[in-house]
């Protein structure tokens, strides 16, 4: 007897089977599907996702059409924990999953913080009905899942932040400035606003002068309208409700101009949002947790900032 099982349904079934066995030996780590049923805003298509480990130790995942959330829970402690949802960078073309994702999650676990690494969809007209909202849907869904499961994972639902690097920083900043514009079905009216925001050398603006054109092209296409450019330029979307923010960048970043972080920081100041900006003289782009040009460790500064804001003890 033969079974007619369409390929676009097969990929969800295979993912389900894989996640049953994808438990790491580390305490509390597992990968779960981001959506229990159909992935919203998706077209029937084959799953052509590809993961590559580069010679420099970076893991790059491309052609992502099936998003997942990898859960990293620290050793159990007495009080409810803060949580950080991490969005790796990659120009809205790939996800740099290791040095801007899982490595960071493991470091946060050492601080007693629960971490969640989002493998979000890369915008593609072949796999998505409207590619410009796909990553934001995944980001909002990740926040919804973490808040819904706060009790299960021993989290403080008022201490859930997002962290993003490069284009993942654009996604994090969009999540933090447009939480009142849900692009997912939020039937239970879960709060989609992050409680704090951490940005590593982020793409912020899509304006011609300082924007990262590769990220803009991949998300919005080659000829976006002025209205779309403005809507996705996050320095223009800051309000008094934008969460407290911690930002790092390097002056010699040739990939994403530091003017992105400066413009966002100036908007935060204008709206009296508590914020902290660290700009290093050197470091380039994409250094993850470790800027090799300085002995200063920005993750230590981040930890002190989180303590000062009472997000961690």
C-alpha atoms as a PDB file:
ATOM      1  CA  UNK A   1       0.000   0.000   0.000  1.00  0.00           C
ATOM      2  CA  UNK A   2       1.400   3.437  -0.916  1.00  0.00           C
ATOM      3  CA  UNK A   3       0.759   6.601   1.090  1.00  0.00           C
ATOM      4  CA  UNK A   4       0.419   9.932  -0.655  1.00  0.00           C
ATOM      5  CA  UNK A   5       2.084  12.386   1.775  1.00  0.00           C
ATOM      6  CA  UNK A   6       2.804  15.844   0.267  1.00  0.00           C
ATOM      7  CA  UNK A   7       6.389  17.025   0.697  1.00  0.00           C
ATOM      8  CA  UNK A   8       5.376  20.299   2.341  1.00  0.00           C
ATOM      9  CA  UNK A   9       3.599  18.335   5.082  1.00  0.00           C
ATOM     10  CA  UNK A  10       6.409  15.810   5.308  1.00  0.00           C
ATOM     11  CA  UNK A  11       8.855  18.501   6.434  1.00  0.00           C
ATOM     12  CA  UNK A  12       6.752  19.281   9.534  1.00  0.00           C
ATOM     13  CA  UNK A  13       6.466  15.562  10.357  1.00  0.00           C
ATOM     14  CA  UNK A  14      10.208  15.024   9.986  1.00  0.00           C
ATOM     15  CA  UNK A  15      10.931  18.079  12.136  1.00  0.00           C
ATOM     16  CA  UNK A  16       8.634  16.697  14.834  1.00  0.00           C
ATOM     17  CA  UNK A  17      10.499  13.375  14.852  1.00  0.00           C
ATOM     18  CA  UNK A  18      13.870  15.086  14.948  1.00  0.00           C
ATOM     19  CA  UNK A  19      12.960  17.290  17.905  1.00  0.00           C
ATOM     20  CA  UNK A  20      12.034  14.233  19.969  1.00  0.00           C
ATOM     21  CA  UNK A  21      15.671  13.164  19.873  1.00  0.00           C
ATOM     22  CA  UNK A  22      17.433  16.554  19.789  1.00  0.00           C
ATOM     23  CA  UNK A  23      18.082  16.825  23.510  1.00  0.00           C
ATOM     24  CA  UNK A  24      21.592  17.995  24.361  1.00  0.00           C
ATOM     25  CA  UNK A  25      23.495  16.568  27.296  1.00  0.00           C
ATOM     26  CA  UNK A  26      23.487  20.053  28.845  1.00  0.00           C
ATOM     27  CA  UNK A  27      20.860  20.587  31.493  1.00  0.00           C
ATOM     28  CA  UNK A  28      17.530  21.737  30.147  1.00  0.00           C
ATOM     29  CA  UNK A  29      18.511  22.109  26.489  1.00  0.00           C
ATOM     30  CA  UNK A  30      16.112  21.079  23.748  1.00  0.00           C
ATOM     31  CA  UNK A  31      14.929  22.320  20.372  1.00  0.00           C
ATOM     32  CA  UNK A  32      11.203  22.729  19.797  1.00  0.00           C
ATOM     33  CA  UNK A  33       9.140  23.747  16.743  1.00  0.00           C
ATOM     34  CA  UNK A  34       8.144  27.399  16.887  1.00  0.00           C
ATOM     35  CA  UNK A  35       4.628  26.590  15.669  1.00  0.00           C
ATOM     36  CA  UNK A  36       2.667  23.561  16.806  1.00  0.00           C
ATOM     37  CA  UNK A  37       0.657  23.333  13.607  1.00  0.00           C
ATOM     38  CA  UNK A  38       0.887  25.191  10.312  1.00  0.00           C
ATOM     39  CA  UNK A  39       3.537  27.841   9.948  1.00  0.00           C
ATOM     40  CA  UNK A  40       1.729  31.135   9.276  1.00  0.00           C
ATOM     41  CA  UNK A  41       2.450  33.116   6.134  1.00  0.00           C
ATOM     42  CA  UNK A  42       4.125  30.125   4.464  1.00  0.00           C
ATOM     43  CA  UNK A  43       3.773  28.601   1.017  1.00  0.00           C
ATOM     44  CA  UNK A  44       3.907  24.861   0.287  1.00  0.00           C
ATOM     45  CA  UNK A  45       7.580  24.205  -0.439  1.00  0.00           C
ATOM     46  CA  UNK A  46      10.398  21.761   0.108  1.00  0.00           C
ATOM     47  CA  UNK A  47      12.612  22.255   3.145  1.00  0.00           C
ATOM     48  CA  UNK A  48      16.027  23.114   1.661  1.00  0.00           C
ATOM     49  CA  UNK A  49      17.638  24.298   4.896  1.00  0.00           C
ATOM     50  CA  UNK A  50      21.417  23.936   4.984  1.00  0.00           C
ATOM     51  CA  UNK A  51      23.812  24.129   7.934  1.00  0.00           C
ATOM     52  CA  UNK A  52      27.534  24.722   7.422  1.00  0.00           C
ATOM     53  CA  UNK A  53      30.375  24.901   9.918  1.00  0.00           C
ATOM     54  CA  UNK A  54      32.951  27.314   8.568  1.00  0.00           C
ATOM     55  CA  UNK A  55      36.720  27.109   9.056  1.00  0.00           C
ATOM     56  CA  UNK A  56      36.579  29.970  11.583  1.00  0.00           C
ATOM     57  CA  UNK A  57      34.201  27.953  13.757  1.00  0.00           C
ATOM     58  CA  UNK A  58      31.068  29.858  12.771  1.00  0.00           C
ATOM     59  CA  UNK A  59      27.901  27.869  12.078  1.00  0.00           C
ATOM     60  CA  UNK A  60      25.830  29.340   9.252  1.00  0.00           C
ATOM     61  CA  UNK A  61      22.282  28.139   8.530  1.00  0.00           C
ATOM     62  CA  UNK A  62      20.643  29.158   5.255  1.00  0.00           C
ATOM     63  CA  UNK A  63      17.319  28.635   3.454  1.00  0.00           C
ATOM     64  CA  UNK A  64      15.358  28.573   6.719  1.00  0.00           C
ATOM     65  CA  UNK A  65      11.654  27.938   6.203  1.00  0.00           C
ATOM     66  CA  UNK A  66      10.909  25.905   9.361  1.00  0.00           C
ATOM     67  CA  UNK A  67      11.665  28.039  12.442  1.00  0.00           C
ATOM     68  CA  UNK A  68      12.623  26.546  15.793  1.00  0.00           C
ATOM     69  CA  UNK A  69      13.379  27.666  19.328  1.00  0.00           C
ATOM     70  CA  UNK A  70      16.268  26.097  21.244  1.00  0.00           C
ATOM     71  CA  UNK A  71      15.775  26.237  24.999  1.00  0.00           C
ATOM     72  CA  UNK A  72      18.777  26.621  27.334  1.00  0.00           C
ATOM     73  CA  UNK A  73      17.815  26.387  30.998  1.00  0.00           C
ATOM     74  CA  UNK A  74      20.426  26.962  33.727  1.00  0.00           C
ATOM     75  CA  UNK A  75      20.730  24.918  36.861  1.00  0.00           C
ATOM     76  CA  UNK A  76      17.682  25.424  39.031  1.00  0.00           C
ATOM     77  CA  UNK A  77      17.962  28.313  41.478  1.00  0.00           C
ATOM     78  CA  UNK A  78      15.725  29.525  44.276  1.00  0.00           C
ATOM     79  CA  UNK A  79      14.032  32.443  42.554  1.00  0.00           C
ATOM     80  CA  UNK A  80      12.383  32.825  39.164  1.00  0.00           C
ATOM     81  CA  UNK A  81      14.877  33.586  36.433  1.00  0.00           C
ATOM     82  CA  UNK A  82      15.206  36.267  33.822  1.00  0.00           C
ATOM     83  CA  UNK A  83      15.125  35.108  30.210  1.00  0.00           C
ATOM     84  CA  UNK A  84      16.752  36.319  26.996  1.00  0.00           C
ATOM     85  CA  UNK A  85      15.555  35.391  23.506  1.00  0.00           C
ATOM     86  CA  UNK A  86      18.492  35.585  21.088  1.00  0.00           C
ATOM     87  CA  UNK A  87      18.242  36.484  17.394  1.00  0.00           C
ATOM     88  CA  UNK A  88      21.468  35.634  15.496  1.00  0.00           C
ATOM     89  CA  UNK A  89      22.603  37.898  12.674  1.00  0.00           C
ATOM     90  CA  UNK A  90      23.106  37.133   9.019  1.00  0.00           C
ATOM     91  CA  UNK A  91      21.767  39.956   6.870  1.00  0.00           C
ATOM     92  CA  UNK A  92      18.276  38.393   6.711  1.00  0.00           C
ATOM     93  CA  UNK A  93      20.003  35.850   4.447  1.00  0.00           C
ATOM     94  CA  UNK A  94      21.338  33.315   6.963  1.00  0.00           C
ATOM     95  CA  UNK A  95      21.422  32.760  10.737  1.00  0.00           C
ATOM     96  CA  UNK A  96      24.883  32.833  12.351  1.00  0.00           C
ATOM     97  CA  UNK A  97      23.675  30.293  14.846  1.00  0.00           C
ATOM     98  CA  UNK A  98      26.726  29.551  17.000  1.00  0.00           C
ATOM     99  CA  UNK A  99      28.815  32.633  17.906  1.00  0.00           C
ATOM    100  CA  UNK A 100      25.727  34.898  17.849  1.00  0.00           C
ATOM    101  CA  UNK A 101      23.367  32.298  19.262  1.00  0.00           C
ATOM    102  CA  UNK A 102      24.137  29.102  21.152  1.00  0.00           C
ATOM    103  CA  UNK A 103      27.516  30.289  22.498  1.00  0.00           C
ATOM    104  CA  UNK A 104      25.829  33.363  23.951  1.00  0.00           C
ATOM    105  CA  UNK A 105      23.029  31.258  25.426  1.00  0.00           C
ATOM    106  CA  UNK A 106      25.491  29.065  27.311  1.00  0.00           C
ATOM    107  CA  UNK A 107      27.233  32.131  28.745  1.00  0.00           C
ATOM    108  CA  UNK A 108      23.905  33.568  29.915  1.00  0.00           C
ATOM    109  CA  UNK A 109      23.120  30.239  31.590  1.00  0.00           C
ATOM    110  CA  UNK A 110      26.239  30.707  33.731  1.00  0.00           C
ATOM    111  CA  UNK A 111      24.642  33.898  35.073  1.00  0.00           C
ATOM    112  CA  UNK A 112      21.455  32.029  35.989  1.00  0.00           C
ATOM    113  CA  UNK A 113      19.580  33.439  32.988  1.00  0.00           C
ATOM    114  CA  UNK A 114      17.399  31.202  30.824  1.00  0.00           C
ATOM    115  CA  UNK A 115      18.209  31.634  27.133  1.00  0.00           C
ATOM    116  CA  UNK A 116      16.264  30.840  23.978  1.00  0.00           C
ATOM    117  CA  UNK A 117      17.909  30.868  20.554  1.00  0.00           C
ATOM    118  CA  UNK A 118      15.506  31.574  17.718  1.00  0.00           C
ATOM    119  CA  UNK A 119      16.186  30.084  14.316  1.00  0.00           C
ATOM    120  CA  UNK A 120      13.982  32.471  12.381  1.00  0.00           C
ATOM    121  CA  UNK A 121      12.866  32.216   8.769  1.00  0.00           C
ATOM    122  CA  UNK A 122      15.035  33.865   6.143  1.00  0.00           C
ATOM    123  CA  UNK A 123      12.814  36.036   3.896  1.00  0.00           C
ATOM    124  CA  UNK A 124      12.101  34.293   0.600  1.00  0.00           C
ATOM    125  CA  UNK A 125       9.263  34.768  -1.877  1.00  0.00           C
ATOM    126  CA  UNK A 126       9.399  31.045  -2.671  1.00  0.00           C
ATOM    127  CA  UNK A 127       8.520  30.005   0.880  1.00  0.00           C
ATOM    128  CA  UNK A 128       6.555  32.981   2.231  1.00  0.00           C
ATOM    129  CA  UNK A 129       3.426  34.843   1.193  1.00  0.00           C
ATOM    130  CA  UNK A 130       4.739  38.133   2.623  1.00  0.00           C
ATOM    131  CA  UNK A 131       8.443  37.821   3.334  1.00  0.00           C
ATOM    132  CA  UNK A 132       8.794  41.183   5.088  1.00  0.00           C
ATOM    133  CA  UNK A 133       6.800  40.063   8.153  1.00  0.00           C
ATOM    134  CA  UNK A 134       8.101  36.483   8.392  1.00  0.00           C
ATOM    135  CA  UNK A 135      11.028  37.113  10.766  1.00  0.00           C
ATOM    136  CA  UNK A 136       8.917  39.419  12.947  1.00  0.00           C
ATOM    137  CA  UNK A 137       6.198  36.774  13.162  1.00  0.00           C
ATOM    138  CA  UNK A 138       8.793  34.309  14.420  1.00  0.00           C
ATOM    139  CA  UNK A 139      10.188  36.818  16.927  1.00  0.00           C
ATOM    140  CA  UNK A 140       6.745  37.632  18.324  1.00  0.00           C
ATOM    141  CA  UNK A 141       5.857  33.945  18.457  1.00  0.00           C
ATOM    142  CA  UNK A 142       9.045  33.252  20.431  1.00  0.00           C
ATOM    143  CA  UNK A 143       8.108  35.913  22.983  1.00  0.00           C
ATOM    144  CA  UNK A 144       4.596  34.467  23.194  1.00  0.00           C
ATOM    145  CA  UNK A 145       5.926  30.943  23.814  1.00  0.00           C
ATOM    146  CA  UNK A 146       8.397  32.040  26.488  1.00  0.00           C
ATOM    147  CA  UNK A 147       5.782  34.100  28.357  1.00  0.00           C
ATOM    148  CA  UNK A 148       3.174  31.356  28.100  1.00  0.00           C
ATOM    149  CA  UNK A 149       5.622  28.855  29.592  1.00  0.00           C
ATOM    150  CA  UNK A 150       7.066  31.121  32.285  1.00  0.00           C
ATOM    151  CA  UNK A 151       5.799  28.948  35.129  1.00  0.00           C
ATOM    152  CA  UNK A 152       6.937  25.718  33.470  1.00  0.00           C
ATOM    153  CA  UNK A 153      10.447  27.074  32.918  1.00  0.00           C
ATOM    154  CA  UNK A 154      10.621  28.902  36.271  1.00  0.00           C
ATOM    155  CA  UNK A 155      10.827  32.347  34.678  1.00  0.00           C
ATOM    156  CA  UNK A 156       9.855  35.789  35.856  1.00  0.00           C
ATOM    157  CA  UNK A 157       7.406  36.891  33.156  1.00  0.00           C
ATOM    158  CA  UNK A 158       8.385  40.528  33.807  1.00  0.00           C
ATOM    159  CA  UNK A 159      12.060  39.875  33.048  1.00  0.00           C
ATOM    160  CA  UNK A 160      11.979  38.586  29.483  1.00  0.00           C
ATOM    161  CA  UNK A 161      14.293  40.410  27.109  1.00  0.00           C
ATOM    162  CA  UNK A 162      15.517  40.072  23.536  1.00  0.00           C
ATOM    163  CA  UNK A 163      19.061  40.204  22.192  1.00  0.00           C
ATOM    164  CA  UNK A 164      20.022  40.541  18.545  1.00  0.00           C
ATOM    165  CA  UNK A 165      23.200  40.803  16.516  1.00  0.00           C
ATOM    166  CA  UNK A 166      23.572  42.640  13.187  1.00  0.00           C
ATOM    167  CA  UNK A 167      20.372  41.943  11.187  1.00  0.00           C
ATOM    168  CA  UNK A 168      19.182  40.002  14.221  1.00  0.00           C
ATOM    169  CA  UNK A 169      19.601  43.327  16.010  1.00  0.00           C
ATOM    170  CA  UNK A 170      17.244  44.885  13.482  1.00  0.00           C
ATOM    171  CA  UNK A 171      14.744  42.133  14.237  1.00  0.00           C
ATOM    172  CA  UNK A 172      15.181  42.656  17.989  1.00  0.00           C
ATOM    173  CA  UNK A 173      14.766  46.425  17.647  1.00  0.00           C
ATOM    174  CA  UNK A 174      11.673  45.938  15.479  1.00  0.00           C
ATOM    175  CA  UNK A 175      10.262  43.570  18.102  1.00  0.00           C
ATOM    176  CA  UNK A 176      10.935  46.152  20.809  1.00  0.00           C
ATOM    177  CA  UNK A 177       9.443  49.129  18.948  1.00  0.00           C
ATOM    178  CA  UNK A 178       6.488  47.460  17.202  1.00  0.00           C
ATOM    179  CA  UNK A 179       5.180  45.121  19.892  1.00  0.00           C
ATOM    180  CA  UNK A 180       1.810  46.891  19.662  1.00  0.00           C
ATOM    181  CA  UNK A 181       1.441  45.792  16.024  1.00  0.00           C
ATOM    182  CA  UNK A 182       1.106  42.002  16.236  1.00  0.00           C
ATOM    183  CA  UNK A 183       1.691  40.043  13.041  1.00  0.00           C
ATOM    184  CA  UNK A 184       0.739  36.731  14.657  1.00  0.00           C
ATOM    185  CA  UNK A 185      -2.570  35.427  15.933  1.00  0.00           C
ATOM    186  CA  UNK A 186      -2.371  36.349  19.622  1.00  0.00           C
ATOM    187  CA  UNK A 187      -5.745  35.023  20.728  1.00  0.00           C
ATOM    188  CA  UNK A 188      -4.774  34.938  24.400  1.00  0.00           C
ATOM    189  CA  UNK A 189      -3.521  38.539  24.227  1.00  0.00           C
ATOM    190  CA  UNK A 190      -0.054  37.681  25.501  1.00  0.00           C
ATOM    191  CA  UNK A 191       2.155  40.693  26.149  1.00  0.00           C
ATOM    192  CA  UNK A 192       4.570  40.862  23.188  1.00  0.00           C
ATOM    193  CA  UNK A 193       6.697  43.706  24.586  1.00  0.00           C
ATOM    194  CA  UNK A 194      10.211  42.665  25.635  1.00  0.00           C
ATOM    195  CA  UNK A 195      11.186  43.907  29.089  1.00  0.00           C
ATOM    196  CA  UNK A 196      14.683  44.846  27.940  1.00  0.00           C
ATOM    197  CA  UNK A 197      16.680  45.006  24.712  1.00  0.00           C
ATOM    198  CA  UNK A 198      20.315  44.078  23.992  1.00  0.00           C
ATOM    199  CA  UNK A 199      21.818  44.984  20.610  1.00  0.00           C
ATOM    200  CA  UNK A 200      25.156  43.884  19.197  1.00  0.00           C
ATOM    201  CA  UNK A 201      26.390  45.986  16.231  1.00  0.00           C
ATOM    202  CA  UNK A 202      22.760  46.188  15.050  1.00  0.00           C
ATOM    203  CA  UNK A 203      21.221  47.092  11.756  1.00  0.00           C
ATOM    204  CA  UNK A 204      18.768  49.777  12.858  1.00  0.00           C
ATOM    205  CA  UNK A 205      17.971  51.990   9.890  1.00  0.00           C
ATOM    206  CA  UNK A 206      16.923  51.236   6.325  1.00  0.00           C
ATOM    207  CA  UNK A 207      17.517  54.832   5.244  1.00  0.00           C
ATOM    208  CA  UNK A 208      19.812  55.253   2.237  1.00  0.00           C
ATOM    209  CA  UNK A 209      22.425  57.220   4.195  1.00  0.00           C
ATOM    210  CA  UNK A 210      23.275  54.766   6.984  1.00  0.00           C
ATOM    211  CA  UNK A 211      21.158  51.677   6.342  1.00  0.00           C
ATOM    212  CA  UNK A 212      22.503  48.216   5.567  1.00  0.00           C
ATOM    213  CA  UNK A 213      21.288  47.715   2.017  1.00  0.00           C
ATOM    214  CA  UNK A 214      21.803  43.946   1.977  1.00  0.00           C
ATOM    215  CA  UNK A 215      19.468  43.455   4.930  1.00  0.00           C
ATOM    216  CA  UNK A 216      16.964  45.913   3.467  1.00  0.00           C
ATOM    217  CA  UNK A 217      16.965  44.210   0.063  1.00  0.00           C
ATOM    218  CA  UNK A 218      16.545  40.754   1.588  1.00  0.00           C
ATOM    219  CA  UNK A 219      13.652  41.818   3.805  1.00  0.00           C
ATOM    220  CA  UNK A 220      11.814  44.390   1.678  1.00  0.00           C
ATOM    221  CA  UNK A 221      13.035  43.751  -1.856  1.00  0.00           C
ATOM    222  CA  UNK A 222      15.108  45.897  -4.188  1.00  0.00           C
ATOM    223  CA  UNK A 223      12.669  48.804  -4.534  1.00  0.00           C
ATOM    224  CA  UNK A 224      10.802  49.374  -1.260  1.00  0.00           C
ATOM    225  CA  UNK A 225       8.513  52.362  -0.920  1.00  0.00           C
ATOM    226  CA  UNK A 226       9.508  55.310   1.239  1.00  0.00           C
ATOM    227  CA  UNK A 227       6.729  54.294   3.633  1.00  0.00           C
ATOM    228  CA  UNK A 228       8.201  50.797   4.037  1.00  0.00           C
ATOM    229  CA  UNK A 229      11.705  52.170   4.534  1.00  0.00           C
ATOM    230  CA  UNK A 230      10.418  54.484   7.261  1.00  0.00           C
ATOM    231  CA  UNK A 231       8.358  51.743   8.913  1.00  0.00           C
ATOM    232  CA  UNK A 232      11.403  49.475   9.207  1.00  0.00           C
ATOM    233  CA  UNK A 233      13.852  52.207  10.255  1.00  0.00           C
ATOM    234  CA  UNK A 234      13.716  51.591  13.976  1.00  0.00           C
ATOM    235  CA  UNK A 235      15.327  54.869  15.041  1.00  0.00           C
ATOM    236  CA  UNK A 236      12.073  56.433  13.820  1.00  0.00           C
ATOM    237  CA  UNK A 237       9.857  54.022  15.755  1.00  0.00           C
ATOM    238  CA  UNK A 238      11.119  54.598  19.294  1.00  0.00           C
ATOM    239  CA  UNK A 239       8.557  55.761  21.854  1.00  0.00           C
ATOM    240  CA  UNK A 240       8.528  56.175  25.616  1.00  0.00           C
ATOM    241  CA  UNK A 241       7.305  52.563  25.771  1.00  0.00           C
ATOM    242  CA  UNK A 242      10.440  51.158  24.112  1.00  0.00           C
ATOM    243  CA  UNK A 243      12.167  48.897  26.674  1.00  0.00           C
ATOM    244  CA  UNK A 244      15.467  49.796  28.381  1.00  0.00           C
ATOM    245  CA  UNK A 245      18.322  49.127  25.969  1.00  0.00           C
ATOM    246  CA  UNK A 246      21.995  48.126  26.029  1.00  0.00           C
ATOM    247  CA  UNK A 247      23.928  48.610  22.770  1.00  0.00           C
ATOM    248  CA  UNK A 248      27.452  47.811  21.576  1.00  0.00           C
ATOM    249  CA  UNK A 249      29.205  48.681  18.315  1.00  0.00           C
ATOM    250  CA  UNK A 250      32.691  49.321  16.910  1.00  0.00           C
ATOM    251  CA  UNK A 251      33.755  52.568  15.245  1.00  0.00           C
ATOM    252  CA  UNK A 252      35.506  50.711  12.438  1.00  0.00           C
ATOM    253  CA  UNK A 253      32.513  48.511  11.594  1.00  0.00           C
ATOM    254  CA  UNK A 254      32.507  48.439   7.800  1.00  0.00           C
ATOM    255  CA  UNK A 255      29.554  46.071   7.583  1.00  0.00           C
ATOM    256  CA  UNK A 256      26.980  48.016   9.589  1.00  0.00           C
ATOM    257  CA  UNK A 257      27.845  51.653  10.240  1.00  0.00           C
ATOM    258  CA  UNK A 258      27.988  52.635  13.937  1.00  0.00           C
ATOM    259  CA  UNK A 259      25.674  55.507  12.975  1.00  0.00           C
ATOM    260  CA  UNK A 260      22.892  52.912  13.281  1.00  0.00           C
ATOM    261  CA  UNK A 261      23.483  52.445  17.002  1.00  0.00           C
ATOM    262  CA  UNK A 262      24.065  56.158  17.541  1.00  0.00           C
ATOM    263  CA  UNK A 263      20.793  57.083  15.825  1.00  0.00           C
ATOM    264  CA  UNK A 264      18.863  54.550  17.906  1.00  0.00           C
ATOM    265  CA  UNK A 265      20.538  55.716  21.122  1.00  0.00           C
ATOM    266  CA  UNK A 266      19.700  59.346  20.345  1.00  0.00           C
ATOM    267  CA  UNK A 267      16.049  58.376  19.842  1.00  0.00           C
ATOM    268  CA  UNK A 268      16.078  56.503  23.137  1.00  0.00           C
ATOM    269  CA  UNK A 269      17.451  59.605  24.882  1.00  0.00           C
ATOM    270  CA  UNK A 270      14.855  61.808  23.225  1.00  0.00           C
ATOM    271  CA  UNK A 271      12.067  59.610  24.606  1.00  0.00           C
ATOM    272  CA  UNK A 272      13.714  59.228  28.032  1.00  0.00           C
ATOM    273  CA  UNK A 273      14.224  55.474  27.673  1.00  0.00           C
ATOM    274  CA  UNK A 274      16.959  54.184  30.024  1.00  0.00           C
ATOM    275  CA  UNK A 275      19.820  53.084  27.798  1.00  0.00           C
ATOM    276  CA  UNK A 276      23.547  52.480  27.611  1.00  0.00           C
ATOM    277  CA  UNK A 277      25.775  52.651  24.515  1.00  0.00           C
ATOM    278  CA  UNK A 278      29.309  51.254  24.208  1.00  0.00           C
ATOM    279  CA  UNK A 279      31.277  52.103  21.077  1.00  0.00           C
ATOM    280  CA  UNK A 280      34.735  50.573  20.751  1.00  0.00           C
ATOM    281  CA  UNK A 281      37.496  52.171  18.702  1.00  0.00           C
ATOM    282  CA  UNK A 282      38.071  48.914  16.834  1.00  0.00           C
ATOM    283  CA  UNK A 283      36.497  45.513  16.455  1.00  0.00           C
ATOM    284  CA  UNK A 284      34.943  45.492  13.005  1.00  0.00           C
ATOM    285  CA  UNK A 285      31.722  43.608  12.463  1.00  0.00           C
ATOM    286  CA  UNK A 286      30.450  40.277  13.711  1.00  0.00           C
ATOM    287  CA  UNK A 287      32.724  39.661  16.698  1.00  0.00           C
ATOM    288  CA  UNK A 288      30.001  38.126  18.838  1.00  0.00           C
ATOM    289  CA  UNK A 289      30.765  38.059  22.568  1.00  0.00           C
ATOM    290  CA  UNK A 290      34.475  38.717  22.181  1.00  0.00           C
ATOM    291  CA  UNK A 291      35.954  41.842  20.636  1.00  0.00           C
ATOM    292  CA  UNK A 292      39.555  40.741  19.985  1.00  0.00           C
ATOM    293  CA  UNK A 293      40.914  44.309  19.909  1.00  0.00           C
ATOM    294  CA  UNK A 294      40.306  45.107  23.565  1.00  0.00           C
ATOM    295  CA  UNK A 295      40.670  43.475  26.966  1.00  0.00           C
ATOM    296  CA  UNK A 296      37.319  44.941  27.978  1.00  0.00           C
ATOM    297  CA  UNK A 297      34.561  42.327  27.934  1.00  0.00           C
ATOM    298  CA  UNK A 298      31.252  43.853  26.909  1.00  0.00           C
ATOM    299  CA  UNK A 299      29.378  40.866  28.317  1.00  0.00           C
ATOM    300  CA  UNK A 300      30.675  41.833  31.769  1.00  0.00           C
ATOM    301  CA  UNK A 301      29.329  45.348  31.196  1.00  0.00           C
ATOM    302  CA  UNK A 302      26.021  43.849  30.111  1.00  0.00           C
ATOM    303  CA  UNK A 303      25.843  41.750  33.252  1.00  0.00           C
ATOM    304  CA  UNK A 304      26.471  44.818  35.407  1.00  0.00           C
ATOM    305  CA  UNK A 305      23.788  46.738  33.496  1.00  0.00           C
ATOM    306  CA  UNK A 306      21.248  43.945  33.975  1.00  0.00           C
ATOM    307  CA  UNK A 307      22.046  43.965  37.695  1.00  0.00           C
ATOM    308  CA  UNK A 308      21.627  47.748  37.855  1.00  0.00           C
ATOM    309  CA  UNK A 309      18.177  47.402  36.322  1.00  0.00           C
ATOM    310  CA  UNK A 310      17.256  44.552  38.742  1.00  0.00           C
ATOM    311  CA  UNK A 311      16.748  42.068  35.926  1.00  0.00           C
ATOM    312  CA  UNK A 312      19.245  39.739  37.610  1.00  0.00           C
ATOM    313  CA  UNK A 313      20.645  39.546  41.166  1.00  0.00           C
END
